Each structure stands twice: as C-alpha cells, then as structure tokens.
Amino acid sequence: MPRSKFTIALRNVALVLFVVLFVLFFYTLLHETGHALAGVLAGGSVVGLNVDFLTISAHARVVGEFTNAQRAWLSVAGPLLPLVVWALFLLVVPREANPVLVMIRVLSTVGVLSTLLVWYVVPFLYMSGRAPVGEDSSNFLLRSGAEPLLVSVVAAALFVGGWVFYRLRIGNLGEEWGVWRRMDGVLDSPQVRRTLAAMLAVWVLAIAGLVGVNALGAGVEQDDMAELLQGHEQIASVELGERAYEEETLYRFTLEQPKAAASFYVLLEDVRAAYVDLSLVGADGFREPLFHGEDFTAGRASAQPVLSLGAGEYEVVLTSRDSRGAVSVYLKVE
C-alpha cells in the first residue's frame, strides 16, 4: 500500500531531526572531550563530562594545578578537536556519498566552521574590554597573552581555508546543498538504513561512555576535593536564585596579627549569572576580589585566591543580580 504524503513528510522530518541532533550532540561531545583530553595531558583528572539537551548546556570538569600556558591549551583544545575530526570525516567520506552522510557533511561543516567566527570576533571585544567572561577564546587570550589581532587573523584563515577544503572534498555544490529536496524514498535505501543503524549504535556507545566517565569521575572528585580543602573551613553557602544580593556580608572575621597566607576556595555549581562579585573588604578601603563574573554559564567553576593579610577586621561580601546557582566559600588561615 503506497504511503500518504503526510506519512512521507513525517518520515523525512524525523530523519532530518535525527541527523541534526546527531551532529549537534557529537560536536558538543567532541568540544568538551577536547577540553578533557587537554586537561589529562596536562596532568589533571576528569571528574565530569556532561552534554545536557534539557538545559542546553555542556561542561567538562577537569581538576588539577595548571600553568597559564596549560590553561590556554585547555581553552583552545575544545574547538580544535571537532575541527580535526571534521577534517578527517571529509577525507574519509566519498564525494558521492549517500544522502545521510551528505547531510552530516553539510551540517558539520556549517557548525564547525561557524565556531571559528567567535575566535575572529572576540579578540576585538577583548581589546575593547567587552569580551564575554568564561568563553574559550576569552580565556585563551587571558591565559596565553597572545596578540588578539594575530588570533583573529588565524581564525579568519582557518575559516576561509576550511571552506576551500570542503569545496575540494565534495562533488557538485548544487547537488550537495540540494540534498534536502531529494528526501523521498531515502529511508527505503538499504545503504541509508545501515548508516542510520551505525549512527544509532555510535550514539548509544557515546552515552554509555559518558555514564562511565562521570561514575569514575565522581569518586576522583570526592578524593580531590577532600585533599584540596584539607584544613579549610566552610564559611558561607548561598543559593543565588533565592534573591538579589548587594554588598551583602556573608562572613566576618578578625585577625589579631598579620597572616602570610589566607587561602580561599570559591566553588560555584550550576551557575547562570548576569553578574556575580565576591570580594574581601577591610579597613582603609581594602578590597580584594575573590571571584568576579558577568554573563556566564558554568556547570562548575572555582577560584583559589591566596592573600597576605594584615591585622584587622575583614568581611566577605557578595553582589549578585539576575543569577542562579550555588556558591560555597572556604577559608584556611595559616
């Protein structure tokens, strides 16, 4: 019995949606895996690797003590791994591939190369002091000390070179980008069905791998946190989403004599923040930032400032607007 036009259209929409979600998921997974692998190569430990479509967020949590050069490498490794895998994919897939592989090729090319535009634009924002906080390219510029214009030029060269490489690896451009108009009967092809089955199997294996990494990382994280916070006292715990905070004192303490090392540990979890500032204030206008962020999202973020403090009274104060998430502050005075 021939299928109705509605059934055919529904099958085609389901196919396109499946391919789009597949490309989106694996781009995001490769991006976060790039951060995680760079962290491991720099001597750190991966304690979490999350790709969450429900909250539209993804995050690789890597713990360890890293130099600025290593942190710069962690920042650039995120977009670098998808770029490398995309280039290998284009080399492996034949020019005259089945429609599903062509869709993946088109979508992955647009997605991967478009991210390079961020690395082209952000350096200009960085030079004007308006770069987004926590973004990979902003972190790279901050940690590496690289010349912003040079980073922008490299990103532009990779963007143009990527499109040239893509054009060389495909056949007729019109047929390549017109694949969406040739959907009828695609799912009846045995070759397409084998491709979709392989994609589904790879997707299931990736999800199983994520579950395994997070299960192992949870134990590592507990051990690392216990070691990191040894001798620290938790002095504050705040849910940012409960209300706004404006220079609110979270903790007050007095030092009877100067201390060479007051070690703070600030931990933020599941944060979406328009503005967060946590500072240590004291007499005679003393003010030292413990953590500051604007317009950023993070599954987990931390800061570990170590300060030399004179005798006197100090307050840990918080300002937070239009933000949610949990903030915990720990202190060790030696």
Protein backbone atom coordinates (compact mmCIF):
# COMPACT_ATOMS: atom_id res chain seq x y z
CA MET A 1 0.00 0.00 0.00
CA PRO A 2 1.53 3.34 -1.04
CA ARG A 3 2.34 5.77 1.72
CA SER A 4 0.41 9.01 2.07
CA LYS A 5 2.13 12.34 1.52
CA PHE A 6 1.73 13.06 5.24
CA THR A 7 3.50 9.81 6.20
CA ILE A 8 6.33 10.51 3.77
CA ALA A 9 6.72 14.06 5.09
CA LEU A 10 6.68 12.82 8.68
CA ARG A 11 9.41 10.25 7.92
CA ASN A 12 11.52 12.89 6.23
CA VAL A 13 11.17 15.35 9.12
CA ALA A 14 12.09 12.59 11.60
CA LEU A 15 15.17 11.71 9.53
CA VAL A 16 16.37 15.31 9.32
CA LEU A 17 15.74 15.86 13.04
CA PHE A 18 17.70 12.72 13.88
CA VAL A 19 20.67 13.84 11.77
CA VAL A 20 20.60 17.39 13.21
CA LEU A 21 20.55 16.10 16.80
CA PHE A 22 23.31 13.62 15.98
CA VAL A 23 25.59 16.35 14.61
CA LEU A 24 24.78 18.73 17.47
CA PHE A 25 25.38 16.07 20.12
CA PHE A 26 28.69 14.89 18.71
CA TYR A 27 30.01 18.38 18.03
CA THR A 28 29.29 19.27 21.66
CA LEU A 29 30.73 15.99 22.93
CA LEU A 30 33.92 16.42 20.89
CA HIS A 31 34.27 20.02 22.08
CA GLU A 32 34.08 19.04 25.75
CA THR A 33 36.23 15.95 25.15
CA GLY A 34 38.89 18.26 23.70
CA HIS A 35 38.97 20.20 26.96
CA ALA A 36 39.05 16.96 28.95
CA LEU A 37 41.88 15.36 26.94
CA ALA A 38 43.96 18.52 27.16
CA GLY A 39 43.45 18.54 30.92
CA VAL A 40 44.55 14.91 31.23
CA LEU A 41 47.64 15.56 29.07
CA ALA A 42 48.47 18.49 31.36
CA GLY A 43 48.34 16.23 34.40
CA GLY A 44 44.77 16.83 35.54
CA SER A 45 41.87 14.47 36.21
CA VAL A 46 38.48 14.43 34.51
CA VAL A 47 35.73 14.38 37.13
CA GLY A 48 32.76 15.09 34.89
CA LEU A 49 31.78 15.25 31.23
CA ASN A 50 28.21 16.35 30.57
CA VAL A 51 26.13 17.02 27.47
CA ASP A 52 22.62 18.05 28.51
CA PHE A 53 19.99 18.87 25.87
CA LEU A 54 17.36 19.57 28.54
CA THR A 55 19.25 22.57 29.95
CA ILE A 56 21.13 23.23 26.68
CA SER A 57 24.46 23.04 28.44
CA ALA A 58 27.67 21.06 28.32
CA HIS A 59 30.69 21.06 30.54
CA ALA A 60 33.93 19.16 31.09
CA ARG A 61 35.09 19.32 34.69
CA VAL A 62 38.84 18.89 35.00
CA VAL A 63 40.70 19.30 38.27
CA GLY A 64 44.42 19.86 38.71
CA GLU A 65 47.05 22.55 39.10
CA PHE A 66 47.74 24.10 35.70
CA THR A 67 50.08 26.83 34.50
CA ASN A 68 48.74 29.70 32.40
CA ALA A 69 50.16 28.03 29.28
CA GLN A 70 48.35 24.80 30.12
CA ARG A 71 45.09 26.65 30.79
CA ALA A 72 45.45 28.36 27.41
CA TRP A 73 45.90 24.91 25.83
CA LEU A 74 42.76 23.68 27.62
CA SER A 75 40.81 26.60 26.16
CA VAL A 76 41.88 26.07 22.55
CA ALA A 77 41.59 22.25 22.67
CA GLY A 78 37.78 22.46 22.88
CA PRO A 79 37.17 23.85 19.39
CA LEU A 80 40.30 22.19 18.00
CA LEU A 81 39.18 18.55 18.40
CA PRO A 82 35.90 18.95 16.46
CA LEU A 83 37.86 20.75 13.72
CA VAL A 84 40.32 17.85 13.42
CA VAL A 85 37.58 15.18 13.46
CA TRP A 86 35.58 17.14 10.86
CA ALA A 87 38.62 17.30 8.55
CA LEU A 88 39.19 13.54 8.92
CA PHE A 89 35.49 12.90 8.22
CA LEU A 90 35.71 14.86 4.97
CA LEU A 91 38.78 12.88 3.95
CA VAL A 92 37.09 9.53 4.60
CA VAL A 93 33.61 10.14 3.17
CA PRO A 94 33.46 9.77 -0.64
CA ARG A 95 32.31 12.67 -2.76
CA GLU A 96 29.28 10.73 -3.97
CA ALA A 97 28.02 9.60 -0.56
CA ASN A 98 24.52 8.55 0.47
CA PRO A 99 22.10 11.37 1.44
CA VAL A 100 22.52 10.90 5.21
CA LEU A 101 26.29 11.24 5.02
CA VAL A 102 25.87 14.28 2.78
CA MET A 103 23.55 15.87 5.37
CA ILE A 104 26.11 15.21 8.10
CA ARG A 105 28.83 16.69 5.89
CA VAL A 106 26.86 19.88 5.24
CA LEU A 107 25.68 20.37 8.83
CA SER A 108 29.05 19.60 10.41
CA THR A 109 30.83 21.95 8.00
CA VAL A 110 28.49 24.82 8.81
CA GLY A 111 28.65 24.10 12.54
CA VAL A 112 32.38 23.58 12.92
CA LEU A 113 33.49 26.46 10.70
CA SER A 114 30.94 28.86 12.19
CA THR A 115 32.52 28.45 15.62
CA LEU A 116 35.73 29.90 14.19
CA LEU A 117 33.89 33.21 13.73
CA VAL A 118 33.75 33.51 17.52
CA TRP A 119 37.55 33.38 17.60
CA TYR A 120 37.61 36.08 14.93
CA VAL A 121 35.21 38.46 16.72
CA VAL A 122 36.10 38.00 20.41
CA PRO A 123 39.69 39.34 20.10
CA PHE A 124 38.25 42.72 19.03
CA LEU A 125 35.89 42.66 22.02
CA TYR A 126 38.83 41.68 24.22
CA MET A 127 40.83 44.71 23.10
CA SER A 128 37.89 46.96 23.99
CA GLY A 129 37.36 45.30 27.38
CA ARG A 130 34.00 43.78 26.41
CA ALA A 131 34.92 40.13 25.84
CA PRO A 132 32.42 37.59 27.24
CA VAL A 133 33.58 36.11 30.56
CA GLY A 134 34.31 32.39 30.53
CA GLU A 135 34.24 31.98 26.74
CA ASP A 136 37.05 29.77 25.36
CA SER A 137 38.63 32.45 23.19
CA SER A 138 38.48 34.99 26.04
CA ASN A 139 40.15 32.50 28.37
CA PHE A 140 42.81 31.74 25.76
CA LEU A 141 43.68 35.40 25.30
CA LEU A 142 43.75 35.97 29.05
CA ARG A 143 45.95 32.97 29.84
CA SER A 144 48.27 32.96 26.83
CA GLY A 145 48.97 36.67 26.49
CA ALA A 146 48.70 36.18 22.71
CA GLU A 147 48.27 39.19 20.44
CA PRO A 148 44.49 39.48 19.88
CA LEU A 149 44.83 40.59 16.25
CA LEU A 150 47.01 37.57 15.49
CA VAL A 151 44.40 35.24 16.99
CA SER A 152 41.73 36.93 14.86
CA VAL A 153 43.83 36.56 11.69
CA VAL A 154 44.50 32.85 12.38
CA ALA A 155 40.78 32.23 12.97
CA ALA A 156 39.89 34.01 9.72
CA ALA A 157 42.49 31.99 7.80
CA LEU A 158 41.16 28.71 9.24
CA PHE A 159 37.59 29.75 8.38
CA VAL A 160 38.42 30.53 4.75
CA GLY A 161 40.76 27.53 4.44
CA GLY A 162 38.08 25.27 5.88
CA TRP A 163 35.55 26.27 3.24
CA VAL A 164 38.13 25.80 0.47
CA PHE A 165 38.96 22.34 1.83
CA TYR A 166 35.25 21.46 1.98
CA ARG A 167 34.73 22.56 -1.62
CA LEU A 168 37.63 20.38 -2.76
CA ARG A 169 36.19 17.34 -0.97
CA ILE A 170 32.69 17.41 -2.50
CA GLY A 171 31.24 16.93 -5.97
CA ASN A 172 28.60 19.19 -7.43
CA LEU A 173 27.86 22.03 -5.00
CA GLY A 174 24.23 22.35 -6.07
CA GLU A 175 23.53 18.66 -5.51
CA GLU A 176 25.37 18.74 -2.18
CA TRP A 177 23.27 21.57 -0.76
CA GLY A 178 20.12 20.38 -2.51
CA VAL A 179 20.11 17.09 -0.63
CA TRP A 180 17.16 18.34 1.47
CA ARG A 181 14.98 18.44 -1.67
CA ARG A 182 15.70 14.81 -2.56
CA MET A 183 14.30 13.09 0.53
CA ASP A 184 11.57 10.92 -0.97
CA GLY A 185 12.43 7.24 -0.69
CA VAL A 186 15.70 7.86 1.16
CA LEU A 187 14.70 5.64 4.08
CA ASP A 188 13.96 2.77 1.70
CA SER A 189 17.63 2.53 0.75
CA PRO A 190 19.48 -0.35 2.49
CA GLN A 191 22.67 1.74 2.47
CA VAL A 192 20.93 4.60 4.30
CA ARG A 193 19.41 2.22 6.82
CA ARG A 194 22.83 0.73 7.57
CA THR A 195 24.23 4.24 8.04
CA LEU A 196 21.42 5.17 10.43
CA ALA A 197 21.89 1.94 12.39
CA ALA A 198 25.62 2.66 12.72
CA MET A 199 24.89 6.22 13.85
CA LEU A 200 22.46 4.97 16.49
CA ALA A 201 24.98 2.41 17.73
CA VAL A 202 27.72 5.05 17.99
CA TRP A 203 25.32 7.36 19.83
CA VAL A 204 24.43 4.65 22.37
CA LEU A 205 28.12 3.85 22.92
CA ALA A 206 28.90 7.55 23.44
CA ILE A 207 26.17 7.89 26.05
CA ALA A 208 27.42 4.74 27.80
CA GLY A 209 30.92 6.23 27.76
CA LEU A 210 29.63 9.46 29.32
CA VAL A 211 27.93 7.50 32.10
CA GLY A 212 31.15 5.60 32.77
CA VAL A 213 33.34 8.72 32.80
CA ASN A 214 31.01 10.50 35.20
CA ALA A 215 30.77 7.49 37.51
CA LEU A 216 34.55 7.21 37.72
CA GLY A 217 34.97 10.97 37.97
CA ALA A 218 32.61 11.25 40.93
CA GLY A 219 34.97 9.18 43.08
CA VAL A 220 38.02 11.08 41.87
CA GLU A 221 36.31 14.40 42.54
CA GLN A 222 35.44 13.49 46.12
CA ASP A 223 39.03 12.46 46.83
CA ASP A 224 40.47 15.56 45.14
CA MET A 225 38.07 17.91 46.91
CA ALA A 226 38.87 16.34 50.27
CA GLU A 227 42.59 16.82 49.63
CA LEU A 228 42.13 20.33 48.23
CA LEU A 229 40.02 21.51 51.17
CA GLN A 230 42.12 19.91 53.87
CA GLY A 231 42.41 22.44 56.70
CA HIS A 232 39.76 24.74 55.18
CA GLU A 233 36.59 25.80 56.99
CA GLN A 234 33.38 26.40 55.06
CA ILE A 235 32.42 29.98 55.86
CA ALA A 236 29.48 30.55 53.51
CA SER A 237 26.97 28.76 51.30
CA VAL A 238 24.50 30.72 49.16
CA GLU A 239 21.78 29.93 46.61
CA LEU A 240 21.96 32.80 44.13
CA GLY A 241 18.49 32.19 42.77
CA GLU A 242 16.73 32.97 46.05
CA ARG A 243 17.11 36.74 45.64
CA ALA A 244 19.46 39.51 44.58
CA TYR A 245 22.45 40.39 46.80
CA GLU A 246 24.01 43.84 47.03
CA GLU A 247 27.25 44.14 49.00
CA GLU A 248 25.86 41.65 51.50
CA THR A 249 28.20 40.34 54.19
CA LEU A 250 28.44 36.55 54.13
CA TYR A 251 31.19 36.17 56.74
CA ARG A 252 33.14 38.41 59.08
CA PHE A 253 36.45 37.57 60.77
CA THR A 254 39.22 39.32 62.69
CA LEU A 255 42.97 38.75 62.51
CA GLU A 256 44.85 39.68 65.66
CA GLN A 257 48.15 39.61 63.80
CA PRO A 258 49.28 39.64 60.13
CA LYS A 259 48.93 36.38 58.20
CA ALA A 260 51.17 35.45 55.30
CA ALA A 261 48.64 33.13 53.69
CA ALA A 262 44.88 33.35 53.88
CA SER A 263 43.73 30.68 51.42
CA PHE A 264 40.21 30.98 49.98
CA TYR A 265 38.41 28.43 47.84
CA VAL A 266 35.30 29.63 46.00
CA LEU A 267 33.14 26.95 44.36
CA LEU A 268 30.23 27.73 42.00
CA GLU A 269 27.93 24.99 40.71
CA ASP A 270 25.19 25.03 38.05
CA VAL A 271 25.57 28.77 37.59
CA ARG A 272 23.81 31.04 35.13
CA ALA A 273 24.82 34.53 36.12
CA ALA A 274 24.27 38.03 34.81
CA TYR A 275 26.56 39.48 37.48
CA VAL A 276 28.39 37.88 40.42
CA ASP A 277 31.06 39.54 42.53
CA LEU A 278 32.54 38.05 45.69
CA SER A 279 35.12 40.22 47.42
CA LEU A 280 37.10 40.51 50.64
CA VAL A 281 36.88 44.01 52.15
CA GLY A 282 38.69 45.53 55.11
CA ALA A 283 39.65 48.81 56.69
CA ASP A 284 41.07 51.85 54.84
CA GLY A 285 39.41 50.94 51.53
CA PHE A 286 40.97 47.49 51.28
CA ARG A 287 39.16 45.37 48.69
CA GLU A 288 40.36 42.20 47.01
CA PRO A 289 38.21 40.22 44.52
CA LEU A 290 37.73 36.54 45.30
CA PHE A 291 35.58 35.83 42.24
CA HIS A 292 34.02 38.01 39.56
CA GLY A 293 31.93 37.05 36.55
CA GLU A 294 29.40 38.62 34.18
CA ASP A 295 27.04 36.94 31.69
CA PHE A 296 28.43 33.45 32.10
CA THR A 297 27.17 29.90 32.47
CA ALA A 298 29.10 27.07 34.11
CA GLY A 299 28.29 23.64 35.41
CA ARG A 300 31.18 24.10 37.80
CA ALA A 301 33.67 26.92 38.33
CA SER A 302 36.14 27.73 41.08
CA ALA A 303 38.75 30.22 42.23
CA GLN A 304 41.58 29.75 44.71
CA PRO A 305 42.95 33.15 45.74
CA VAL A 306 45.70 33.21 48.37
CA LEU A 307 46.16 36.58 50.10
CA SER A 308 48.61 38.10 52.55
CA LEU A 309 46.55 39.99 55.13
CA GLY A 310 47.42 42.44 57.86
CA ALA A 311 45.82 42.51 61.29
CA GLY A 312 42.25 43.81 61.36
CA GLU A 313 38.64 43.02 60.63
CA TYR A 314 37.55 41.62 57.25
CA GLU A 315 34.27 40.81 55.56
CA VAL A 316 33.42 38.52 52.65
CA VAL A 317 30.75 40.39 50.68
CA LEU A 318 28.56 39.25 47.79
CA THR A 319 26.84 41.15 44.99
CA SER A 320 24.66 39.09 42.65
CA ARG A 321 21.99 40.12 40.15
CA ASP A 322 19.77 38.02 37.88
CA SER A 323 21.70 34.88 38.75
CA ARG A 324 21.08 31.34 39.90
CA GLY A 325 23.25 28.51 41.17
CA ALA A 326 25.12 27.63 44.36
CA VAL A 327 28.18 29.39 45.77
CA SER A 328 30.30 27.93 48.58
CA VAL A 329 33.27 29.68 50.20
CA TYR A 330 36.03 28.01 52.22
CA LEU A 331 38.87 29.62 54.19
CA LYS A 332 42.15 28.47 55.67
CA VAL A 333 44.35 30.93 57.56
CA GLU A 334 47.97 30.00 58.22
